[in-house]
Amino acid sequence: MTDIDKDLIIRIAAKGDGVTADGRHVPLAAPGDRVTADGGLVAGPHHAEAPCVHFPACGGCELQHVDEESLGAFVTARVTGALAGQGVTLAPQSLLPPHLSPPKTRRRASLRAARDGRRITIGFAESGSHKLIDLAMCEILDPRLFALVEPLRALLPLVLADKRAAHVRMSLIDQGVDLLLENVGVSGLAADEGLRDFSAAQGLARLTIDEGDGQQTRWEPEPATMTFGGVPVAFPPFAFLQATPDGEAALLEIVREALPPGGAVADLFSGLGTFALGVGKERPVYAAEGARDLVLSLKVAANRAQRRMVVDHRDLFRRPLVPEELNRFAAVIIDPPRAGAREQVMQLAASVVPVIAYVSCNPASFARDAAHLVASGYILDKVKPVGQFRWSTHVELAAVFRRP
């Protein structure tokens, strides 16, 4: 290998650094870049100009310096690399092209706000730091969310004490923006009126305040809902949503295509019913979820829509479905949190369920679970990498396992 070859960036590592042919990690390098003798960087054909003035300081994005091709390759490699690390072989025809969410489509975000005298700073923290980047623009947030940043600068002095910080949590739901402000204090008529006037002027779907002793709804002209599979579901403040509508659609498409034409389906870790309602219009569905508020919302919505659905409040980590329960289903959908679902997967591995559709927000925990399923005889039939968190190292996926 020549010295020039050793200085070539050949891939992007899991945390976003470029990696040279001889294994050195180089920040902000794209595949095809070259490292010079003095440690500089010569941009290659895949090095892109960052579209945001806050990059690379802002922790909201890590990969704005790479082009679309390299971003897609990174998202795919995060999945295939994790599987390879667990000894899971993926047939070439089983790996589907990655889906990347477009810019400005994020519909759920958690920002921080800090007050220093009259100055209010709102944004994401710097990577590896608690220092906030004061957002003047954002290339990932849906414009309807970003449009609240400037008005919030005027509102927050009414409810945020000097030298204090607050969480600003925003979701786009059926009625518009659902806003949750945490670690603020509402005292006096001016603050009350300010919250009401702000909510009305911004056309909020709902404003919820948490002063440290529980959530209080301060504005909700009509019940806040999020629609899944044509069914509006009562939406708890800042409840879990897939990050982008197109990302949700990409995941749901893989799940739908995996299911057999008929038979009952189980949706484990069902949340508010993204998949249970998305696939359950013409078939019976059993939905299990450990969060009580989500269970109640889904149960009421399914009953109102007259869906054939049983919603079970069940902690699947402590009380996973066992094979005798699982074997009743024609297919199982599972969408666990980042840690994966080892307890439930071990029960699935011992079952004879024909199809498992696994949606994951963590390639590493997915790969560990996949190894158990494959060892028990399941075939990993399809994997779809999904980059909902554009320009981020956070990667999601949908996969299909079949019992031969």
Protein backbone atom coordinates (compact mmCIF):
# COMPACT_ATOMS: atom_id res chain seq x y z
CA MET A 1 0.00 0.00 0.00
CA THR A 2 1.41 3.41 -0.95
CA ASP A 3 1.58 6.41 1.38
CA ILE A 4 -1.08 8.13 -0.74
CA ASP A 5 -3.44 5.17 -0.32
CA LYS A 6 -2.95 5.23 3.43
CA ASP A 7 -4.08 8.84 3.54
CA LEU A 8 -7.34 8.22 1.69
CA ILE A 9 -10.59 8.39 3.67
CA ILE A 10 -12.42 5.17 2.82
CA ARG A 11 -15.43 5.17 5.14
CA ILE A 12 -17.24 6.91 7.99
CA ALA A 13 -17.02 5.41 11.47
CA ALA A 14 -20.04 4.86 13.71
CA LYS A 15 -19.52 8.18 15.53
CA GLY A 16 -19.10 10.19 12.33
CA ASP A 17 -15.33 10.46 11.88
CA GLY A 18 -13.73 9.65 8.55
CA VAL A 19 -11.42 6.63 8.62
CA THR A 20 -8.26 6.38 6.50
CA ALA A 21 -7.09 3.23 4.76
CA ASP A 22 -4.62 2.63 7.60
CA GLY A 23 -7.23 3.10 10.32
CA ARG A 24 -6.78 6.71 11.48
CA HIS A 25 -9.90 8.63 12.51
CA VAL A 26 -10.24 12.13 11.07
CA PRO A 27 -13.05 14.50 12.16
CA LEU A 28 -15.24 16.06 9.44
CA ALA A 29 -13.77 13.93 6.66
CA ALA A 30 -15.82 12.33 3.89
CA PRO A 31 -15.03 9.24 1.81
CA GLY A 32 -12.62 10.21 -0.96
CA ASP A 33 -10.95 13.01 1.05
CA ARG A 34 -7.18 12.86 1.58
CA VAL A 35 -5.21 13.70 4.70
CA THR A 36 -2.14 15.83 3.98
CA ALA A 37 1.27 15.47 5.61
CA ASP A 38 0.58 18.40 7.94
CA GLY A 39 -2.77 16.98 9.07
CA GLY A 40 -4.92 19.04 6.71
CA LEU A 41 -7.66 17.70 4.51
CA VAL A 42 -8.07 17.79 0.72
CA ALA A 43 -11.75 17.49 -0.14
CA GLY A 44 -12.74 14.63 -2.41
CA PRO A 45 -15.78 14.07 -4.65
CA HIS A 46 -18.06 13.12 -1.74
CA HIS A 47 -17.26 16.11 0.46
CA ALA A 48 -20.29 18.42 0.59
CA GLU A 49 -20.69 22.02 1.66
CA ALA A 50 -22.70 22.12 4.87
CA PRO A 51 -26.08 23.83 4.35
CA CYS A 52 -26.29 25.19 7.93
CA VAL A 53 -24.20 27.99 9.43
CA HIS A 54 -24.17 26.19 12.80
CA PHE A 55 -22.38 23.09 11.50
CA PRO A 56 -20.21 21.51 12.86
CA ALA A 57 -20.59 23.12 16.30
CA CYS A 58 -24.28 22.25 16.74
CA GLY A 59 -24.87 18.77 18.12
CA GLY A 60 -28.07 18.38 16.10
CA CYS A 61 -26.08 17.27 13.02
CA GLU A 62 -22.82 15.36 12.60
CA LEU A 63 -22.65 14.55 8.88
CA GLN A 64 -23.57 17.65 6.89
CA HIS A 65 -20.14 17.47 5.25
CA VAL A 66 -20.93 14.29 3.26
CA ASP A 67 -22.97 13.96 0.08
CA GLU A 68 -26.19 11.97 -0.33
CA GLU A 69 -24.42 8.88 -1.68
CA SER A 70 -22.03 8.68 1.25
CA LEU A 71 -24.80 9.41 3.75
CA GLY A 72 -26.84 6.51 2.38
CA ALA A 73 -23.77 4.25 2.45
CA PHE A 74 -23.12 5.22 6.08
CA VAL A 75 -26.70 4.43 7.13
CA THR A 76 -26.47 1.04 5.40
CA ALA A 77 -23.03 0.25 6.84
CA ARG A 78 -24.22 0.94 10.39
CA VAL A 79 -26.74 -1.89 9.95
CA THR A 80 -24.62 -4.39 8.02
CA GLY A 81 -21.61 -3.76 10.27
CA ALA A 82 -23.65 -4.45 13.40
CA LEU A 83 -24.98 -7.69 11.94
CA ALA A 84 -21.51 -8.80 10.85
CA GLY A 85 -20.22 -8.10 14.35
CA GLN A 86 -22.76 -10.62 15.68
CA GLY A 87 -21.89 -13.18 13.02
CA VAL A 88 -25.16 -12.73 11.12
CA THR A 89 -24.72 -13.19 7.36
CA LEU A 90 -27.06 -11.13 5.19
CA ALA A 91 -27.71 -12.25 1.62
CA PRO A 92 -27.15 -9.41 -0.89
CA GLN A 93 -30.74 -9.61 -2.16
CA SER A 94 -32.01 -9.21 1.40
CA LEU A 95 -30.47 -5.76 1.86
CA LEU A 96 -32.83 -3.06 0.58
CA PRO A 97 -31.76 0.45 -0.47
CA PRO A 98 -31.62 2.90 2.45
CA HIS A 99 -34.29 5.52 3.03
CA LEU A 100 -33.10 9.02 3.94
CA SER A 101 -35.52 11.63 5.24
CA PRO A 102 -35.29 14.96 3.38
CA PRO A 103 -34.14 18.15 5.11
CA LYS A 104 -36.62 20.10 7.23
CA THR A 105 -38.96 17.17 7.93
CA ARG A 106 -38.30 16.42 11.63
CA ARG A 107 -41.66 16.63 13.39
CA ARG A 108 -40.51 15.93 16.95
CA ALA A 109 -37.61 17.64 18.71
CA SER A 110 -36.30 18.49 22.15
CA LEU A 111 -34.41 21.79 22.41
CA ARG A 112 -32.94 23.53 25.42
CA ALA A 113 -33.42 27.12 26.44
CA ALA A 114 -31.22 29.13 28.81
CA ARG A 115 -31.57 32.63 30.24
CA ASP A 116 -28.71 35.00 30.98
CA GLY A 117 -30.16 38.35 31.96
CA ARG A 118 -32.35 39.46 29.08
CA ARG A 119 -30.75 37.06 26.64
CA ILE A 120 -32.56 33.81 25.84
CA THR A 121 -30.60 31.11 24.01
CA ILE A 122 -32.56 28.31 22.34
CA GLY A 123 -31.08 25.37 20.49
CA PHE A 124 -29.23 22.07 20.56
CA ALA A 125 -26.14 21.59 22.69
CA GLU A 126 -22.70 21.52 21.12
CA SER A 127 -21.45 18.02 20.49
CA GLY A 128 -19.89 16.68 23.69
CA SER A 129 -20.74 19.84 25.62
CA HIS A 130 -23.53 21.50 27.59
CA LYS A 131 -23.02 24.78 25.73
CA LEU A 132 -26.07 25.72 23.66
CA ILE A 133 -25.98 26.79 20.04
CA ASP A 134 -28.40 29.69 19.62
CA LEU A 135 -30.33 28.66 16.52
CA ALA A 136 -30.59 31.23 13.74
CA MET A 137 -31.59 28.53 11.27
CA CYS A 138 -32.16 24.78 11.21
CA GLU A 139 -32.01 22.40 8.27
CA ILE A 140 -33.57 19.41 10.04
CA LEU A 141 -36.62 20.79 11.87
CA ASP A 142 -39.95 21.11 10.10
CA PRO A 143 -40.35 24.87 9.49
CA ARG A 144 -43.49 24.89 11.62
CA LEU A 145 -41.40 23.85 14.62
CA PHE A 146 -38.53 26.21 13.89
CA ALA A 147 -41.01 29.10 13.49
CA LEU A 148 -41.61 28.94 17.26
CA VAL A 149 -37.99 29.61 18.21
CA GLU A 150 -38.08 33.39 17.85
CA PRO A 151 -41.49 33.88 19.53
CA LEU A 152 -40.26 31.71 22.40
CA ARG A 153 -37.40 34.15 23.01
CA ALA A 154 -40.01 36.77 23.83
CA LEU A 155 -42.16 34.46 25.96
CA LEU A 156 -39.56 32.69 28.10
CA PRO A 157 -38.47 35.71 30.21
CA LEU A 158 -41.97 35.54 31.74
CA VAL A 159 -41.53 31.98 32.98
CA LEU A 160 -37.78 31.26 33.09
CA ALA A 161 -35.66 32.59 35.93
CA ASP A 162 -32.27 34.17 35.27
CA LYS A 163 -29.34 31.71 35.03
CA ARG A 164 -31.78 28.83 34.63
CA ALA A 165 -32.40 26.41 31.76
CA ALA A 166 -35.57 24.79 30.45
CA HIS A 167 -36.52 22.01 28.04
CA VAL A 168 -38.54 22.95 24.97
CA ARG A 169 -40.21 19.82 23.58
CA MET A 170 -42.18 20.12 20.35
CA SER A 171 -44.26 17.69 18.29
CA LEU A 172 -46.30 18.16 15.13
CA ILE A 173 -49.70 16.51 15.59
CA ASP A 174 -53.06 16.61 13.83
CA GLN A 175 -53.98 20.05 15.20
CA GLY A 176 -50.57 21.71 14.78
CA VAL A 177 -47.67 22.14 17.21
CA ASP A 178 -47.86 20.46 20.60
CA LEU A 179 -45.48 22.34 22.93
CA LEU A 180 -44.23 21.17 26.32
CA LEU A 181 -42.11 23.53 28.47
CA GLU A 182 -40.28 21.89 31.38
CA ASN A 183 -38.42 23.43 34.33
CA VAL A 184 -40.20 26.76 34.08
CA GLY A 185 -42.18 28.66 36.70
CA VAL A 186 -45.51 30.40 36.15
CA SER A 187 -46.20 33.05 38.75
CA GLY A 188 -48.55 35.98 38.49
CA LEU A 189 -51.10 37.37 36.08
CA ALA A 190 -48.53 38.57 33.52
CA ALA A 191 -47.14 35.05 33.09
CA ASP A 192 -50.61 33.52 32.81
CA GLU A 193 -51.72 36.05 30.22
CA GLY A 194 -48.42 35.75 28.36
CA LEU A 195 -48.83 31.99 27.98
CA ARG A 196 -52.40 32.37 26.76
CA ASP A 197 -51.56 35.15 24.30
CA PHE A 198 -48.53 33.26 23.00
CA SER A 199 -50.56 30.08 22.45
CA ALA A 200 -53.29 31.96 20.60
CA ALA A 201 -50.91 34.02 18.48
CA GLN A 202 -48.90 30.95 17.44
CA GLY A 203 -51.97 28.79 16.84
CA LEU A 204 -50.69 26.05 19.13
CA ALA A 205 -52.47 22.73 19.25
CA ARG A 206 -51.62 22.55 22.94
CA LEU A 207 -49.33 24.15 25.51
CA THR A 208 -48.28 22.10 28.52
CA ILE A 209 -46.20 23.39 31.44
CA ASP A 210 -44.18 21.33 33.89
CA GLU A 211 -42.85 23.34 36.85
CA GLY A 212 -41.33 20.22 38.39
CA ASP A 213 -44.44 18.81 40.00
CA GLY A 214 -46.25 17.35 37.01
CA GLN A 215 -47.68 18.46 33.68
CA GLN A 216 -50.39 21.13 33.48
CA THR A 217 -52.25 21.83 30.26
CA ARG A 218 -52.54 25.60 29.77
CA TRP A 219 -53.98 25.69 26.24
CA GLU A 220 -55.85 23.08 24.21
CA PRO A 221 -58.65 24.46 22.00
CA GLU A 222 -59.60 20.94 20.89
CA PRO A 223 -58.42 17.49 21.98
CA ALA A 224 -54.85 16.83 20.83
CA THR A 225 -54.60 13.76 18.58
CA MET A 226 -52.25 11.96 16.23
CA THR A 227 -53.69 9.83 13.44
CA PHE A 228 -52.37 6.35 12.65
CA GLY A 229 -53.95 4.17 10.00
CA GLY A 230 -56.82 6.62 9.67
CA VAL A 231 -57.60 6.53 13.40
CA PRO A 232 -57.05 9.65 15.57
CA VAL A 233 -55.45 8.74 18.91
CA ALA A 234 -55.31 11.01 21.97
CA PHE A 235 -51.74 12.26 22.14
CA PRO A 236 -50.02 12.64 25.55
CA PRO A 237 -47.61 15.61 25.66
CA PHE A 238 -44.37 14.77 23.81
CA ALA A 239 -45.34 11.12 23.41
CA PHE A 240 -43.17 9.00 21.14
CA LEU A 241 -43.52 9.56 17.38
CA GLN A 242 -41.38 8.34 14.53
CA ALA A 243 -39.14 11.32 13.78
CA THR A 244 -40.45 12.07 10.27
CA PRO A 245 -43.67 11.20 8.42
CA ASP A 246 -41.74 9.73 5.48
CA GLY A 247 -39.57 7.66 7.82
CA GLU A 248 -42.67 6.27 9.48
CA ALA A 249 -44.10 5.43 6.04
CA ALA A 250 -40.90 3.63 5.01
CA LEU A 251 -40.93 1.49 8.15
CA LEU A 252 -44.65 0.79 7.87
CA GLU A 253 -44.29 -0.29 4.23
CA ILE A 254 -41.80 -3.03 5.14
CA VAL A 255 -44.00 -4.22 7.99
CA ARG A 256 -47.15 -4.33 5.83
CA GLU A 257 -45.42 -6.20 3.02
CA ALA A 258 -44.12 -8.80 5.45
CA LEU A 259 -47.51 -9.80 6.85
CA PRO A 260 -49.46 -12.78 5.47
CA PRO A 261 -52.86 -12.04 3.86
CA GLY A 262 -54.85 -13.15 6.89
CA GLY A 263 -54.60 -14.11 10.52
CA ALA A 264 -54.18 -12.28 13.79
CA VAL A 265 -51.10 -10.13 14.37
CA ALA A 266 -49.34 -9.13 17.60
CA ASP A 267 -47.73 -5.69 17.93
CA LEU A 268 -45.28 -5.70 20.83
CA PHE A 269 -44.11 -2.37 22.32
CA SER A 270 -47.03 -0.89 20.39
CA GLY A 271 -46.87 2.69 21.70
CA LEU A 272 -49.79 4.73 20.42
CA GLY A 273 -50.44 2.25 17.60
CA THR A 274 -48.21 3.32 14.70
CA PHE A 275 -48.12 -0.27 13.44
CA ALA A 276 -51.11 -1.80 15.23
CA LEU A 277 -53.46 0.71 13.60
CA GLY A 278 -51.42 0.91 10.40
CA VAL A 279 -51.90 -2.78 9.61
CA GLY A 280 -55.05 -3.64 11.54
CA LYS A 281 -57.94 -2.31 9.50
CA GLU A 282 -58.97 -5.70 8.10
CA ARG A 283 -57.53 -8.09 10.70
CA PRO A 284 -57.50 -8.73 14.46
CA VAL A 285 -54.55 -7.23 16.34
CA TYR A 286 -53.18 -7.77 19.81
CA ALA A 287 -51.20 -4.73 21.01
CA ALA A 288 -48.98 -4.83 24.11
CA GLU A 289 -47.39 -1.76 25.70
CA GLY A 290 -45.92 -0.98 29.11
CA ALA A 291 -46.72 2.75 29.34
CA ARG A 292 -50.17 3.18 30.86
CA ASP A 293 -51.02 6.53 29.23
CA LEU A 294 -50.26 5.14 25.76
CA VAL A 295 -52.32 2.03 26.45
CA LEU A 296 -55.34 4.07 27.47
CA SER A 297 -55.09 6.33 24.40
CA LEU A 298 -54.80 3.39 22.00
CA LYS A 299 -57.57 1.40 23.66
CA VAL A 300 -60.07 4.26 23.48
CA ALA A 301 -59.15 5.08 19.87
CA ALA A 302 -59.40 1.45 18.71
CA ASN A 303 -62.77 1.00 20.40
CA ARG A 304 -64.12 4.22 18.92
CA ALA A 305 -62.99 3.14 15.44
CA GLN A 306 -64.46 -0.33 16.02
CA ARG A 307 -61.15 -2.01 15.28
CA ARG A 308 -60.76 -5.67 16.22
CA MET A 309 -58.00 -4.94 18.67
CA VAL A 310 -57.06 -6.09 22.15
CA VAL A 311 -54.79 -3.60 23.95
CA ASP A 312 -52.84 -5.06 26.85
CA HIS A 313 -50.99 -3.07 29.52
CA ARG A 314 -47.98 -5.36 29.85
CA ASP A 315 -44.31 -4.95 30.77
CA LEU A 316 -42.67 -7.07 28.09
CA PHE A 317 -39.28 -6.94 29.83
CA ARG A 318 -40.62 -8.54 33.01
CA ARG A 319 -43.47 -10.51 31.46
CA PRO A 320 -42.76 -11.27 27.80
CA LEU A 321 -45.22 -13.27 25.74
CA VAL A 322 -44.25 -16.96 25.92
CA PRO A 323 -44.34 -19.39 22.97
CA GLU A 324 -47.80 -20.73 23.89
CA GLU A 325 -49.14 -17.18 23.52
CA LEU A 326 -47.03 -16.22 20.50
CA ASN A 327 -47.89 -19.31 18.46
CA ARG A 328 -51.49 -18.10 18.05
CA PHE A 329 -50.37 -15.32 15.73
CA ALA A 330 -49.76 -15.36 11.99
CA ALA A 331 -47.10 -12.67 12.49
CA VAL A 332 -45.50 -10.61 15.24
CA ILE A 333 -44.43 -6.97 14.95
CA ILE A 334 -41.88 -5.82 17.50
CA ASP A 335 -40.60 -2.23 17.94
CA PRO A 336 -38.59 -2.16 21.17
CA PRO A 337 -36.67 0.74 22.73
CA ARG A 338 -32.95 1.30 22.09
CA ALA A 339 -31.84 -1.43 24.46
CA GLY A 340 -33.57 -4.06 22.34
CA ALA A 341 -35.84 -6.79 23.66
CA ARG A 342 -33.69 -9.74 24.72
CA GLU A 343 -36.30 -11.26 27.05
CA GLN A 344 -39.05 -11.14 24.43
CA VAL A 345 -36.74 -12.21 21.60
CA MET A 346 -35.69 -15.35 23.49
CA GLN A 347 -39.37 -16.30 23.69
CA LEU A 348 -39.86 -15.56 19.99
CA ALA A 349 -36.83 -17.71 19.19
CA ALA A 350 -38.55 -20.63 20.93
CA SER A 351 -41.83 -20.05 19.08
CA VAL A 352 -43.12 -21.16 15.68
CA VAL A 353 -44.41 -17.72 14.61
CA PRO A 354 -44.07 -17.73 10.78
CA VAL A 355 -43.11 -14.04 10.38
CA ILE A 356 -41.48 -11.47 12.64
CA ALA A 357 -41.32 -7.83 11.54
CA TYR A 358 -38.69 -6.12 13.68
CA VAL A 359 -38.43 -2.30 13.76
CA SER A 360 -35.36 -0.95 15.54
CA CYS A 361 -33.82 2.39 16.48
CA ASN A 362 -30.46 0.83 17.36
CA PRO A 363 -28.54 -1.40 14.92
CA ALA A 364 -26.36 -2.80 17.73
CA SER A 365 -29.19 -4.10 19.92
CA PHE A 366 -31.07 -5.27 16.81
CA ALA A 367 -28.05 -7.29 15.69
CA ARG A 368 -27.83 -8.99 19.09
CA ASP A 369 -31.50 -9.90 18.91
CA ALA A 370 -31.16 -10.98 15.28
CA ALA A 371 -28.37 -13.38 16.21
CA HIS A 372 -30.68 -15.17 18.66
CA LEU A 373 -33.47 -15.45 16.09
CA VAL A 374 -31.17 -16.73 13.36
CA ALA A 375 -29.59 -19.25 15.73
CA SER A 376 -33.08 -20.62 16.43
CA GLY A 377 -33.74 -21.22 12.74
CA TYR A 378 -35.26 -17.95 11.51
CA ILE A 379 -34.06 -16.58 8.18
CA LEU A 380 -33.31 -12.86 7.97
CA ASP A 381 -35.28 -12.18 4.81
CA LYS A 382 -35.19 -8.37 4.47
CA VAL A 383 -33.47 -5.40 6.04
CA LYS A 384 -34.30 -1.78 5.23
CA PRO A 385 -31.91 0.84 6.74
CA VAL A 386 -33.70 4.12 7.53
CA GLY A 387 -32.06 7.48 8.20
CA GLN A 388 -34.87 9.53 9.75
CA PHE A 389 -32.40 11.60 11.76
CA ARG A 390 -30.78 13.18 8.74
CA TRP A 391 -27.06 14.06 9.03
CA SER A 392 -26.97 12.18 12.33
CA THR A 393 -25.22 8.95 13.31
CA HIS A 394 -28.58 7.73 14.70
CA VAL A 395 -29.83 4.98 12.36
CA GLU A 396 -33.07 2.98 12.32
CA LEU A 397 -34.26 -0.02 10.35
CA ALA A 398 -37.05 -2.44 9.59
CA ALA A 399 -36.30 -6.15 9.16
CA VAL A 400 -38.27 -9.29 8.36
CA PHE A 401 -37.53 -12.75 9.77
CA ARG A 402 -39.25 -15.86 8.42
CA ARG A 403 -39.47 -19.34 9.89
CA PRO A 404 -38.81 -21.80 7.01
